[in-house]
Amino acid sequence: MEQLDLPPGALATNPGRLEQHFGHAEGLLPLWIAEPYLPLAPAITEAVTARAGQAWYGYESRPERLIAAFWDWMATRHGWDDTGLETTVSPSVGTSIGVLIDAFSVEGGGVILQPPV
């Protein structure tokens, strides 16, 4: 991994947070899902800004090329194949967790959700 040059304060909206949770902050890099601490790629920032400029925030459709691009990436990067698999796009981690619980558990069976979910 490359060395990241981060601006002061980039690792937390609350700089004392790591200290609060772990008793120290030195050498720790937070990697929780909902709170990115690294800057977005310029292309992502530009796309989000352009989309926000349209001032319409209804439900978005996902073109088939999105799923094709995902599987191209997975094949190239990890050697994965989508044969026999069904792929869908989820609006959030929480939604995905609910779908997976429904798919892989039985009624009355135990399910453990670790915090901070």
PDB file of N, CA and C in Angstrom:
ATOM      1  N   MET A   1       0.848  -1.184   0.000  1.00  0.00           N
ATOM      2  CA  MET A   1       0.000   0.000   0.000  1.00  0.00           C
ATOM      3  C   MET A   1       0.884   1.234   0.000  1.00  0.00           C
ATOM      4  N   GLU A   2       0.443   2.240  -0.696  1.00  0.00           N
ATOM      5  CA  GLU A   2       1.200   3.479  -0.743  1.00  0.00           C
ATOM      6  C   GLU A   2       1.024   4.256   0.555  1.00  0.00           C
ATOM      7  N   GLN A   3       2.010   5.092   0.850  1.00  0.00           N
ATOM      8  CA  GLN A   3       1.899   5.987   1.999  1.00  0.00           C
ATOM      9  C   GLN A   3       0.861   7.049   1.670  1.00  0.00           C
ATOM     10  N   LEU A   4      -0.049   7.273   2.578  1.00  0.00           N
ATOM     11  CA  LEU A   4      -1.093   8.266   2.358  1.00  0.00           C
ATOM     12  C   LEU A   4      -0.727   9.565   3.051  1.00  0.00           C
ATOM     13  N   ASP A   5      -0.795  10.651   2.324  1.00  0.00           N
ATOM     14  CA  ASP A   5      -0.579  11.965   2.915  1.00  0.00           C
ATOM     15  C   ASP A   5      -1.946  12.557   3.217  1.00  0.00           C
ATOM     16  N   LEU A   6      -2.354  12.469   4.462  1.00  0.00           N
ATOM     17  CA  LEU A   6      -3.672  12.930   4.862  1.00  0.00           C
ATOM     18  C   LEU A   6      -3.574  14.278   5.549  1.00  0.00           C
ATOM     19  N   PRO A   7      -4.529  15.159   5.278  1.00  0.00           N
ATOM     20  CA  PRO A   7      -4.525  16.450   5.965  1.00  0.00           C
ATOM     21  C   PRO A   7      -4.837  16.259   7.446  1.00  0.00           C
ATOM     22  N   PRO A   8      -4.375  17.190   8.306  1.00  0.00           N
ATOM     23  CA  PRO A   8      -4.674  17.078   9.733  1.00  0.00           C
ATOM     24  C   PRO A   8      -6.179  16.984   9.963  1.00  0.00           C
ATOM     25  N   GLY A   9      -6.579  16.078  10.850  1.00  0.00           N
ATOM     26  CA  GLY A   9      -7.989  15.924  11.175  1.00  0.00           C
ATOM     27  C   GLY A   9      -8.746  15.024  10.221  1.00  0.00           C
ATOM     28  N   ALA A  10      -8.057  14.494   9.183  1.00  0.00           N
ATOM     29  CA  ALA A  10      -8.755  13.673   8.192  1.00  0.00           C
ATOM     30  C   ALA A  10      -9.192  12.327   8.747  1.00  0.00           C
ATOM     31  N   LEU A  11      -8.571  11.870   9.815  1.00  0.00           N
ATOM     32  CA  LEU A  11      -8.895  10.543  10.326  1.00  0.00           C
ATOM     33  C   LEU A  11     -10.080  10.509  11.258  1.00  0.00           C
ATOM     34  N   ALA A  12     -10.703  11.624  11.523  1.00  0.00           N
ATOM     35  CA  ALA A  12     -11.882  11.574  12.390  1.00  0.00           C
ATOM     36  C   ALA A  12     -12.585  12.908  12.402  1.00  0.00           C
ATOM     37  N   THR A  13     -13.904  12.860  12.433  1.00  0.00           N
ATOM     38  CA  THR A  13     -14.655  14.083  12.653  1.00  0.00           C
ATOM     39  C   THR A  13     -14.542  14.463  14.119  1.00  0.00           C
ATOM     40  N   ASN A  14     -14.282  13.485  14.952  1.00  0.00           N
ATOM     41  CA  ASN A  14     -14.027  13.692  16.373  1.00  0.00           C
ATOM     42  C   ASN A  14     -12.649  13.103  16.649  1.00  0.00           C
ATOM     43  N   PRO A  15     -11.597  13.936  16.685  1.00  0.00           N
ATOM     44  CA  PRO A  15     -10.235  13.423  16.808  1.00  0.00           C
ATOM     45  C   PRO A  15     -10.004  12.531  18.024  1.00  0.00           C
ATOM     46  N   GLY A  16     -10.796  12.666  19.071  1.00  0.00           N
ATOM     47  CA  GLY A  16     -10.605  11.844  20.262  1.00  0.00           C
ATOM     48  C   GLY A  16     -11.300  10.500  20.196  1.00  0.00           C
ATOM     49  N   ARG A  17     -11.938  10.211  19.079  1.00  0.00           N
ATOM     50  CA  ARG A  17     -12.757   9.009  18.974  1.00  0.00           C
ATOM     51  C   ARG A  17     -11.963   7.709  19.113  1.00  0.00           C
ATOM     52  N   LEU A  18     -10.832   7.598  18.422  1.00  0.00           N
ATOM     53  CA  LEU A  18     -10.031   6.380  18.530  1.00  0.00           C
ATOM     54  C   LEU A  18      -9.529   6.191  19.956  1.00  0.00           C
ATOM     55  N   GLU A  19      -9.076   7.276  20.551  1.00  0.00           N
ATOM     56  CA  GLU A  19      -8.612   7.233  21.944  1.00  0.00           C
ATOM     57  C   GLU A  19      -9.747   6.760  22.847  1.00  0.00           C
ATOM     58  N   GLN A  20     -10.926   7.278  22.598  1.00  0.00           N
ATOM     59  CA  GLN A  20     -12.109   6.927  23.389  1.00  0.00           C
ATOM     60  C   GLN A  20     -12.418   5.429  23.281  1.00  0.00           C
ATOM     61  N   HIS A  21     -12.370   4.885  22.080  1.00  0.00           N
ATOM     62  CA  HIS A  21     -12.732   3.482  21.857  1.00  0.00           C
ATOM     63  C   HIS A  21     -11.626   2.499  22.226  1.00  0.00           C
ATOM     64  N   PHE A  22     -10.373   2.861  21.961  1.00  0.00           N
ATOM     65  CA  PHE A  22      -9.285   1.898  22.089  1.00  0.00           C
ATOM     66  C   PHE A  22      -8.248   2.250  23.152  1.00  0.00           C
ATOM     67  N   GLY A  23      -8.411   3.407  23.789  1.00  0.00           N
ATOM     68  CA  GLY A  23      -7.460   3.803  24.821  1.00  0.00           C
ATOM     69  C   GLY A  23      -6.216   4.475  24.275  1.00  0.00           C
ATOM     70  N   HIS A  24      -6.019   4.442  22.981  1.00  0.00           N
ATOM     71  CA  HIS A  24      -4.907   5.139  22.327  1.00  0.00           C
ATOM     72  C   HIS A  24      -5.277   5.315  20.860  1.00  0.00           C
ATOM     73  N   ALA A  25      -4.576   6.199  20.170  1.00  0.00           N
ATOM     74  CA  ALA A  25      -4.895   6.447  18.772  1.00  0.00           C
ATOM     75  C   ALA A  25      -3.685   6.253  17.862  1.00  0.00           C
ATOM     76  N   GLU A  26      -2.506   6.261  18.429  1.00  0.00           N
ATOM     77  CA  GLU A  26      -1.292   6.186  17.624  1.00  0.00           C
ATOM     78  C   GLU A  26      -1.215   4.862  16.860  1.00  0.00           C
ATOM     79  N   GLY A  27      -0.989   4.964  15.558  1.00  0.00           N
ATOM     80  CA  GLY A  27      -0.835   3.785  14.719  1.00  0.00           C
ATOM     81  C   GLY A  27      -2.135   3.120  14.303  1.00  0.00           C
ATOM     82  N   LEU A  28      -3.279   3.666  14.696  1.00  0.00           N
ATOM     83  CA  LEU A  28      -4.562   3.068  14.337  1.00  0.00           C
ATOM     84  C   LEU A  28      -5.160   3.770  13.125  1.00  0.00           C
ATOM     85  N   LEU A  29      -5.748   3.000  12.241  1.00  0.00           N
ATOM     86  CA  LEU A  29      -6.459   3.539  11.091  1.00  0.00           C
ATOM     87  C   LEU A  29      -7.882   2.996  11.144  1.00  0.00           C
ATOM     88  N   PRO A  30      -8.875   3.854  11.384  1.00  0.00           N
ATOM     89  CA  PRO A  30     -10.254   3.377  11.488  1.00  0.00           C
ATOM     90  C   PRO A  30     -10.761   2.898  10.132  1.00  0.00           C
ATOM     91  N   LEU A  31     -11.422   1.755  10.129  1.00  0.00           N
ATOM     92  CA  LEU A  31     -11.939   1.201   8.884  1.00  0.00           C
ATOM     93  C   LEU A  31     -13.404   0.796   9.013  1.00  0.00           C
ATOM     94  N   TRP A  32     -14.195   1.567   9.751  1.00  0.00           N
ATOM     95  CA  TRP A  32     -15.604   1.214   9.842  1.00  0.00           C
ATOM     96  C   TRP A  32     -16.313   1.577   8.553  1.00  0.00           C
ATOM     97  N   ILE A  33     -17.397   0.878   8.287  1.00  0.00           N
ATOM     98  CA  ILE A  33     -18.089   0.962   6.998  1.00  0.00           C
ATOM     99  C   ILE A  33     -18.630   2.349   6.687  1.00  0.00           C
ATOM    100  N   ALA A  34     -19.316   2.960   7.630  1.00  0.00           N
ATOM    101  CA  ALA A  34     -20.103   4.150   7.325  1.00  0.00           C
ATOM    102  C   ALA A  34     -19.337   5.461   7.406  1.00  0.00           C
ATOM    103  N   GLU A  35     -18.073   5.419   7.737  1.00  0.00           N
ATOM    104  CA  GLU A  35     -17.355   6.670   7.947  1.00  0.00           C
ATOM    105  C   GLU A  35     -16.023   6.687   7.216  1.00  0.00           C
ATOM    106  N   PRO A  36     -16.023   7.024   5.925  1.00  0.00           N
ATOM    107  CA  PRO A  36     -14.771   7.053   5.186  1.00  0.00           C
ATOM    108  C   PRO A  36     -13.882   8.209   5.638  1.00  0.00           C
ATOM    109  N   TYR A  37     -12.619   7.923   5.767  1.00  0.00           N
ATOM    110  CA  TYR A  37     -11.667   8.931   6.218  1.00  0.00           C
ATOM    111  C   TYR A  37     -10.657   9.281   5.136  1.00  0.00           C
ATOM    112  N   LEU A  38     -10.814   8.704   3.972  1.00  0.00           N
ATOM    113  CA  LEU A  38      -9.903   8.987   2.875  1.00  0.00           C
ATOM    114  C   LEU A  38     -10.664   9.747   1.798  1.00  0.00           C
ATOM    115  N   PRO A  39      -9.985  10.597   1.062  1.00  0.00           N
ATOM    116  CA  PRO A  39     -10.687  11.365   0.027  1.00  0.00           C
ATOM    117  C   PRO A  39     -11.177  10.449  -1.096  1.00  0.00           C
ATOM    118  N   LEU A  40     -12.271  10.844  -1.710  1.00  0.00           N
ATOM    119  CA  LEU A  40     -12.782  10.107  -2.862  1.00  0.00           C
ATOM    120  C   LEU A  40     -11.909  10.372  -4.079  1.00  0.00           C
ATOM    121  N   ALA A  41     -11.947   9.461  -5.021  1.00  0.00           N
ATOM    122  CA  ALA A  41     -11.261   9.681  -6.289  1.00  0.00           C
ATOM    123  C   ALA A  41     -11.917  10.876  -6.977  1.00  0.00           C
ATOM    124  N   PRO A  42     -11.142  11.724  -7.646  1.00  0.00           N
ATOM    125  CA  PRO A  42     -11.718  12.899  -8.309  1.00  0.00           C
ATOM    126  C   PRO A  42     -12.881  12.555  -9.238  1.00  0.00           C
ATOM    127  N   ALA A  43     -12.807  11.439  -9.951  1.00  0.00           N
ATOM    128  CA  ALA A  43     -13.898  11.064 -10.866  1.00  0.00           C
ATOM    129  C   ALA A  43     -15.202  10.826 -10.106  1.00  0.00           C
ATOM    130  N   ILE A  44     -15.115  10.281  -8.895  1.00  0.00           N
ATOM    131  CA  ILE A  44     -16.323  10.046  -8.091  1.00  0.00           C
ATOM    132  C   ILE A  44     -16.898  11.374  -7.622  1.00  0.00           C
ATOM    133  N   THR A  45     -16.039  12.260  -7.137  1.00  0.00           N
ATOM    134  CA  THR A  45     -16.496  13.579  -6.692  1.00  0.00           C
ATOM    135  C   THR A  45     -17.188  14.319  -7.836  1.00  0.00           C
ATOM    136  N   GLU A  46     -16.597  14.262  -9.026  1.00  0.00           N
ATOM    137  CA  GLU A  46     -17.188  14.934 -10.190  1.00  0.00           C
ATOM    138  C   GLU A  46     -18.548  14.332 -10.546  1.00  0.00           C
ATOM    139  N   ALA A  47     -18.660  13.002 -10.521  1.00  0.00           N
ATOM    140  CA  ALA A  47     -19.928  12.343 -10.866  1.00  0.00           C
ATOM    141  C   ALA A  47     -21.016  12.675  -9.852  1.00  0.00           C
ATOM    142  N   VAL A  48     -20.674  12.668  -8.565  1.00  0.00           N
ATOM    143  CA  VAL A  48     -21.661  12.982  -7.524  1.00  0.00           C
ATOM    144  C   VAL A  48     -22.099  14.440  -7.640  1.00  0.00           C
ATOM    145  N   THR A  49     -21.147  15.337  -7.879  1.00  0.00           N
ATOM    146  CA  THR A  49     -21.467  16.758  -8.030  1.00  0.00           C
ATOM    147  C   THR A  49     -22.380  16.978  -9.236  1.00  0.00           C
ATOM    148  N   ALA A  50     -22.079  16.324 -10.352  1.00  0.00           N
ATOM    149  CA  ALA A  50     -22.913  16.460 -11.553  1.00  0.00           C
ATOM    150  C   ALA A  50     -24.321  15.929 -11.293  1.00  0.00           C
ATOM    151  N   ARG A  51     -24.420  14.793 -10.599  1.00  0.00           N
ATOM    152  CA  ARG A  51     -25.737  14.207 -10.304  1.00  0.00           C
ATOM    153  C   ARG A  51     -26.524  15.108  -9.363  1.00  0.00           C
ATOM    154  N   ALA A  52     -25.868  15.659  -8.349  1.00  0.00           N
ATOM    155  CA  ALA A  52     -26.542  16.550  -7.400  1.00  0.00           C
ATOM    156  C   ALA A  52     -27.040  17.806  -8.105  1.00  0.00           C
ATOM    157  N   GLY A  53     -26.341  18.243  -9.134  1.00  0.00           N
ATOM    158  CA  GLY A  53     -26.736  19.427  -9.883  1.00  0.00           C
ATOM    159  C   GLY A  53     -28.029  19.250 -10.665  1.00  0.00           C
ATOM    160  N   GLN A  54     -28.471  18.019 -10.847  1.00  0.00           N
ATOM    161  CA  GLN A  54     -29.725  17.771 -11.565  1.00  0.00           C
ATOM    162  C   GLN A  54     -30.941  18.032 -10.683  1.00  0.00           C
ATOM    163  N   ALA A  55     -30.735  18.114  -9.371  1.00  0.00           N
ATOM    164  CA  ALA A  55     -31.791  18.431  -8.397  1.00  0.00           C
ATOM    165  C   ALA A  55     -32.992  17.495  -8.468  1.00  0.00           C
ATOM    166  N   TRP A  56     -32.752  16.254  -8.806  1.00  0.00           N
ATOM    167  CA  TRP A  56     -33.804  15.243  -8.781  1.00  0.00           C
ATOM    168  C   TRP A  56     -33.213  14.019  -8.110  1.00  0.00           C
ATOM    169  N   TYR A  57     -33.873  13.537  -7.071  1.00  0.00           N
ATOM    170  CA  TYR A  57     -33.296  12.471  -6.261  1.00  0.00           C
ATOM    171  C   TYR A  57     -34.221  11.264  -6.147  1.00  0.00           C
ATOM    172  N   GLY A  58     -34.918  10.918  -7.201  1.00  0.00           N
ATOM    173  CA  GLY A  58     -35.809   9.758  -7.194  1.00  0.00           C
ATOM    174  C   GLY A  58     -35.010   8.468  -7.251  1.00  0.00           C
ATOM    175  N   TYR A  59     -35.734   7.361  -7.339  1.00  0.00           N
ATOM    176  CA  TYR A  59     -35.072   6.062  -7.420  1.00  0.00           C
ATOM    177  C   TYR A  59     -34.270   5.968  -8.705  1.00  0.00           C
ATOM    178  N   GLU A  60     -33.116   5.438  -8.587  1.00  0.00           N
ATOM    179  CA  GLU A  60     -32.180   5.325  -9.704  1.00  0.00           C
ATOM    180  C   GLU A  60     -32.235   3.909 -10.269  1.00  0.00           C
ATOM    181  N   SER A  61     -32.170   3.774 -11.572  1.00  0.00           N
ATOM    182  CA  SER A  61     -32.074   2.434 -12.158  1.00  0.00           C
ATOM    183  C   SER A  61     -30.597   2.090 -12.317  1.00  0.00           C
ATOM    184  N   ARG A  62     -30.302   0.813 -12.265  1.00  0.00           N
ATOM    185  CA  ARG A  62     -28.920   0.358 -12.423  1.00  0.00           C
ATOM    186  C   ARG A  62     -28.801  -0.352 -13.769  1.00  0.00           C
ATOM    187  N   PRO A  63     -28.031   0.173 -14.679  1.00  0.00           N
ATOM    188  CA  PRO A  63     -27.912  -0.473 -15.988  1.00  0.00           C
ATOM    189  C   PRO A  63     -27.198  -1.820 -15.877  1.00  0.00           C
ATOM    190  N   GLU A  64     -27.527  -2.716 -16.792  1.00  0.00           N
ATOM    191  CA  GLU A  64     -26.891  -4.038 -16.818  1.00  0.00           C
ATOM    192  C   GLU A  64     -25.373  -3.921 -16.927  1.00  0.00           C
ATOM    193  N   ARG A  65     -24.907  -2.846 -17.556  1.00  0.00           N
ATOM    194  CA  ARG A  65     -23.452  -2.708 -17.709  1.00  0.00           C
ATOM    195  C   ARG A  65     -22.760  -2.542 -16.355  1.00  0.00           C
ATOM    196  N   LEU A  66     -23.492  -2.084 -15.333  1.00  0.00           N
ATOM    197  CA  LEU A  66     -22.922  -1.970 -13.990  1.00  0.00           C
ATOM    198  C   LEU A  66     -22.571  -3.350 -13.444  1.00  0.00           C
ATOM    199  N   ILE A  67     -23.508  -4.290 -13.567  1.00  0.00           N
ATOM    200  CA  ILE A  67     -23.261  -5.647 -13.074  1.00  0.00           C
ATOM    201  C   ILE A  67     -22.178  -6.318 -13.918  1.00  0.00           C
ATOM    202  N   ALA A  68     -22.195  -6.080 -15.225  1.00  0.00           N
ATOM    203  CA  ALA A  68     -21.154  -6.635 -16.095  1.00  0.00           C
ATOM    204  C   ALA A  68     -19.782  -6.098 -15.699  1.00  0.00           C
ATOM    205  N   ALA A  69     -19.698  -4.808 -15.407  1.00  0.00           N
ATOM    206  CA  ALA A  69     -18.423  -4.209 -14.992  1.00  0.00           C
ATOM    207  C   ALA A  69     -17.960  -4.801 -13.663  1.00  0.00           C
ATOM    208  N   PHE A  70     -18.908  -5.026 -12.745  1.00  0.00           N
ATOM    209  CA  PHE A  70     -18.567  -5.638 -11.457  1.00  0.00           C
ATOM    210  C   PHE A  70     -17.932  -7.010 -11.674  1.00  0.00           C
ATOM    211  N   TRP A  71     -18.580  -7.839 -12.498  1.00  0.00           N
ATOM    212  CA  TRP A  71     -18.056  -9.189 -12.704  1.00  0.00           C
ATOM    213  C   TRP A  71     -16.768  -9.191 -13.525  1.00  0.00           C
ATOM    214  N   ASP A  72     -16.600  -8.236 -14.419  1.00  0.00           N
ATOM    215  CA  ASP A  72     -15.311  -8.106 -15.114  1.00  0.00           C
ATOM    216  C   ASP A  72     -14.206  -7.842 -14.101  1.00  0.00           C
ATOM    217  N   TRP A  73     -14.487  -6.943 -13.160  1.00  0.00           N
ATOM    218  CA  TRP A  73     -13.518  -6.612 -12.108  1.00  0.00           C
ATOM    219  C   TRP A  73     -13.219  -7.842 -11.252  1.00  0.00           C
ATOM    220  N   MET A  74     -14.256  -8.547 -10.803  1.00  0.00           N
ATOM    221  CA  MET A  74     -14.061  -9.708  -9.937  1.00  0.00           C
ATOM    222  C   MET A  74     -13.282 -10.811 -10.655  1.00  0.00           C
ATOM    223  N   ALA A  75     -13.533 -10.984 -11.952  1.00  0.00           N
ATOM    224  CA  ALA A  75     -12.809 -11.995 -12.721  1.00  0.00           C
ATOM    225  C   ALA A  75     -11.347 -11.603 -12.882  1.00  0.00           C
ATOM    226  N   THR A  76     -11.116 -10.341 -13.232  1.00  0.00           N
ATOM    227  CA  THR A  76      -9.751  -9.863 -13.449  1.00  0.00           C
ATOM    228  C   THR A  76      -8.956  -9.831 -12.153  1.00  0.00           C
ATOM    229  N   ARG A  77      -9.561  -9.297 -11.125  1.00  0.00           N
ATOM    230  CA  ARG A  77      -8.854  -9.067  -9.869  1.00  0.00           C
ATOM    231  C   ARG A  77      -8.750 -10.324  -9.001  1.00  0.00           C
ATOM    232  N   HIS A  78      -9.817 -11.142  -8.990  1.00  0.00           N
ATOM    233  CA  HIS A  78      -9.869 -12.256  -8.044  1.00  0.00           C
ATOM    234  C   HIS A  78     -10.074 -13.625  -8.691  1.00  0.00           C
ATOM    235  N   GLY A  79     -10.255 -13.653 -10.021  1.00  0.00           N
ATOM    236  CA  GLY A  79     -10.472 -14.925 -10.692  1.00  0.00           C
ATOM    237  C   GLY A  79     -11.852 -15.518 -10.436  1.00  0.00           C
ATOM    238  N   TRP A  80     -12.802 -14.705 -10.002  1.00  0.00           N
ATOM    239  CA  TRP A  80     -14.159 -15.188  -9.710  1.00  0.00           C
ATOM    240  C   TRP A  80     -14.979 -15.258 -10.986  1.00  0.00           C
ATOM    241  N   ASP A  81     -15.949 -16.161 -10.982  1.00  0.00           N
ATOM    242  CA  ASP A  81     -16.840 -16.373 -12.114  1.00  0.00           C
ATOM    243  C   ASP A  81     -18.275 -16.292 -11.602  1.00  0.00           C
ATOM    244  N   ASP A  82     -19.153 -15.667 -12.367  1.00  0.00           N
ATOM    245  CA  ASP A  82     -20.540 -15.507 -11.915  1.00  0.00           C
ATOM    246  C   ASP A  82     -21.460 -16.631 -12.384  1.00  0.00           C
ATOM    247  N   THR A  83     -20.903 -17.699 -12.928  1.00  0.00           N
ATOM    248  CA  THR A  83     -21.716 -18.809 -13.407  1.00  0.00           C
ATOM    249  C   THR A  83     -22.592 -19.355 -12.278  1.00  0.00           C
ATOM    250  N   GLY A  84     -23.893 -19.396 -12.533  1.00  0.00           N
ATOM    251  CA  GLY A  84     -24.835 -19.932 -11.549  1.00  0.00           C
ATOM    252  C   GLY A  84     -25.180 -18.982 -10.421  1.00  0.00           C
ATOM    253  N   LEU A  85     -24.699 -17.755 -10.484  1.00  0.00           N
ATOM    254  CA  LEU A  85     -24.968 -16.788  -9.421  1.00  0.00           C
ATOM    255  C   LEU A  85     -25.961 -15.735  -9.891  1.00  0.00           C
ATOM    256  N   GLU A  86     -26.690 -15.190  -8.954  1.00  0.00           N
ATOM    257  CA  GLU A  86     -27.597 -14.084  -9.241  1.00  0.00           C
ATOM    258  C   GLU A  86     -27.009 -12.849  -8.576  1.00  0.00           C
ATOM    259  N   THR A  87     -26.914 -11.762  -9.309  1.00  0.00           N
ATOM    260  CA  THR A  87     -26.307 -10.545  -8.784  1.00  0.00           C
ATOM    261  C   THR A  87     -27.344  -9.439  -8.736  1.00  0.00           C
ATOM    262  N   THR A  88     -27.364  -8.724  -7.633  1.00  0.00           N
ATOM    263  CA  THR A  88     -28.272  -7.597  -7.492  1.00  0.00           C
ATOM    264  C   THR A  88     -27.526  -6.438  -6.851  1.00  0.00           C
ATOM    265  N   VAL A  89     -28.084  -5.261  -6.945  1.00  0.00           N
ATOM    266  CA  VAL A  89     -27.492  -4.073  -6.336  1.00  0.00           C
ATOM    267  C   VAL A  89     -28.320  -3.713  -5.115  1.00  0.00           C
ATOM    268  N   SER A  90     -27.663  -3.416  -4.017  1.00  0.00           N
ATOM    269  CA  SER A  90     -28.358  -3.085  -2.774  1.00  0.00           C
ATOM    270  C   SER A  90     -28.155  -1.613  -2.444  1.00  0.00           C
ATOM    271  N   PRO A  91     -29.187  -0.961  -1.898  1.00  0.00           N
ATOM    272  CA  PRO A  91     -29.051   0.458  -1.572  1.00  0.00           C
ATOM    273  C   PRO A  91     -28.215   0.734  -0.327  1.00  0.00           C
ATOM    274  N   SER A  92     -27.993  -0.293   0.516  1.00  0.00           N
ATOM    275  CA  SER A  92     -27.239  -0.024   1.744  1.00  0.00           C
ATOM    276  C   SER A  92     -26.737  -1.314   2.375  1.00  0.00           C
ATOM    277  N   VAL A  93     -25.783  -1.170   3.273  1.00  0.00           N
ATOM    278  CA  VAL A  93     -25.278  -2.315   4.027  1.00  0.00           C
ATOM    279  C   VAL A  93     -26.392  -2.910   4.881  1.00  0.00           C
ATOM    280  N   GLY A  94     -27.205  -2.053   5.504  1.00  0.00           N
ATOM    281  CA  GLY A  94     -28.301  -2.529   6.351  1.00  0.00           C
ATOM    282  C   GLY A  94     -29.302  -3.366   5.572  1.00  0.00           C
ATOM    283  N   THR A  95     -29.664  -2.909   4.377  1.00  0.00           N
ATOM    284  CA  THR A  95     -30.575  -3.671   3.528  1.00  0.00           C
ATOM    285  C   THR A  95     -29.965  -5.020   3.179  1.00  0.00           C
ATOM    286  N   SER A  96     -28.688  -5.024   2.851  1.00  0.00           N
ATOM    287  CA  SER A  96     -28.004  -6.270   2.503  1.00  0.00           C
ATOM    288  C   SER A  96     -28.008  -7.247   3.668  1.00  0.00           C
ATOM    289  N   ILE A  97     -27.769  -6.743   4.870  1.00  0.00           N
ATOM    290  CA  ILE A  97     -27.778  -7.616   6.049  1.00  0.00           C
ATOM    291  C   ILE A  97     -29.152  -8.273   6.203  1.00  0.00           C
ATOM    292  N   GLY A  98     -30.219  -7.489   6.053  1.00  0.00           N
ATOM    293  CA  GLY A  98     -31.570  -8.040   6.158  1.00  0.00           C
ATOM    294  C   GLY A  98     -31.848  -9.109   5.115  1.00  0.00           C
ATOM    295  N   VAL A  99     -31.446  -8.865   3.876  1.00  0.00           N
ATOM    296  CA  VAL A  99     -31.651  -9.837   2.801  1.00  0.00           C
ATOM    297  C   VAL A  99     -30.882 -11.123   3.100  1.00  0.00           C
ATOM    298  N   LEU A 100     -29.643 -10.987   3.569  1.00  0.00           N
ATOM    299  CA  LEU A 100     -28.833 -12.169   3.871  1.00  0.00           C
ATOM    300  C   LEU A 100     -29.387 -12.959   5.049  1.00  0.00           C
ATOM    301  N   ILE A 101     -29.892 -12.263   6.066  1.00  0.00           N
ATOM    302  CA  ILE A 101     -30.514 -12.961   7.199  1.00  0.00           C
ATOM    303  C   ILE A 101     -31.709 -13.775   6.705  1.00  0.00           C
ATOM    304  N   ASP A 102     -32.550 -13.165   5.869  1.00  0.00           N
ATOM    305  CA  ASP A 102     -33.701 -13.892   5.314  1.00  0.00           C
ATOM    306  C   ASP A 102     -33.257 -15.099   4.486  1.00  0.00           C
ATOM    307  N   ALA A 103     -32.199 -14.936   3.719  1.00  0.00           N
ATOM    308  CA  ALA A 103     -31.757 -15.996   2.816  1.00  0.00           C
ATOM    309  C   ALA A 103     -31.094 -17.163   3.542  1.00  0.00           C
ATOM    310  N   PHE A 104     -30.358 -16.873   4.621  1.00  0.00           N
ATOM    311  CA  PHE A 104     -29.526 -17.909   5.229  1.00  0.00           C
ATOM    312  C   PHE A 104     -29.925 -18.322   6.638  1.00  0.00           C
ATOM    313  N   SER A 105     -31.083 -17.895   7.100  1.00  0.00           N
ATOM    314  CA  SER A 105     -31.520 -18.309   8.437  1.00  0.00           C
ATOM    315  C   SER A 105     -32.917 -18.911   8.344  1.00  0.00           C
ATOM    316  N   VAL A 106     -33.299 -19.587   9.413  1.00  0.00           N
ATOM    317  CA  VAL A 106     -34.644 -20.164   9.476  1.00  0.00           C
ATOM    318  C   VAL A 106     -35.409 -19.471  10.584  1.00  0.00           C
ATOM    319  N   GLU A 107     -36.732 -19.424  10.449  1.00  0.00           N
ATOM    320  CA  GLU A 107     -37.556 -18.789  11.466  1.00  0.00           C
ATOM    321  C   GLU A 107     -37.329 -19.478  12.808  1.00  0.00           C
ATOM    322  N   GLY A 108     -37.087 -18.672  13.832  1.00  0.00           N
ATOM    323  CA  GLY A 108     -36.826 -19.194  15.167  1.00  0.00           C
ATOM    324  C   GLY A 108     -35.361 -19.501  15.418  1.00  0.00           C
ATOM    325  N   GLY A 109     -34.554 -19.480  14.361  1.00  0.00           N
ATOM    326  CA  GLY A 109     -33.120 -19.729  14.512  1.00  0.00           C
ATOM    327  C   GLY A 109     -32.434 -18.488  15.063  1.00  0.00           C
ATOM    328  N   GLY A 110     -31.307 -18.656  15.688  1.00  0.00           N
ATOM    329  CA  GLY A 110     -30.580 -17.527  16.260  1.00  0.00           C
ATOM    330  C   GLY A 110     -29.760 -16.783  15.221  1.00  0.00           C
ATOM    331  N   VAL A 111     -29.726 -15.486  15.364  1.00  0.00           N
ATOM    332  CA  VAL A 111     -28.912 -14.623  14.507  1.00  0.00           C
ATOM    333  C   VAL A 111     -28.187 -13.647  15.412  1.00  0.00           C
ATOM    334  N   ILE A 112     -26.895 -13.516  15.234  1.00  0.00           N
ATOM    335  CA  ILE A 112     -26.108 -12.574  16.029  1.00  0.00           C
ATOM    336  C   ILE A 112     -25.705 -11.411  15.140  1.00  0.00           C
ATOM    337  N   LEU A 113     -25.998 -10.199  15.574  1.00  0.00           N
ATOM    338  CA  LEU A 113     -25.533  -8.990  14.897  1.00  0.00           C
ATOM    339  C   LEU A 113     -24.582  -8.278  15.845  1.00  0.00           C
ATOM    340  N   GLN A 114     -23.340  -8.162  15.451  1.00  0.00           N
ATOM    341  CA  GLN A 114     -22.345  -7.491  16.274  1.00  0.00           C
ATOM    342  C   GLN A 114     -22.489  -5.981  16.131  1.00  0.00           C
ATOM    343  N   PRO A 115     -22.333  -5.236  17.214  1.00  0.00           N
ATOM    344  CA  PRO A 115     -22.360  -3.780  17.091  1.00  0.00           C
ATOM    345  C   PRO A 115     -21.212  -3.333  16.190  1.00  0.00           C
ATOM    346  N   PRO A 116     -21.353  -2.268  15.499  1.00  0.00           N
ATOM    347  CA  PRO A 116     -22.290  -1.177  15.660  1.00  0.00           C
ATOM    348  C   PRO A 116     -23.505  -1.266  14.758  1.00  0.00           C
ATOM    349  N   VAL A 117     -23.833  -2.425  14.199  1.00  0.00           N
ATOM    350  CA  VAL A 117     -24.960  -2.551  13.268  1.00  0.00           C
ATOM    351  C   VAL A 117     -26.257  -2.200  13.955  1.00  0.00           C
TER     352      VAL A 117
END
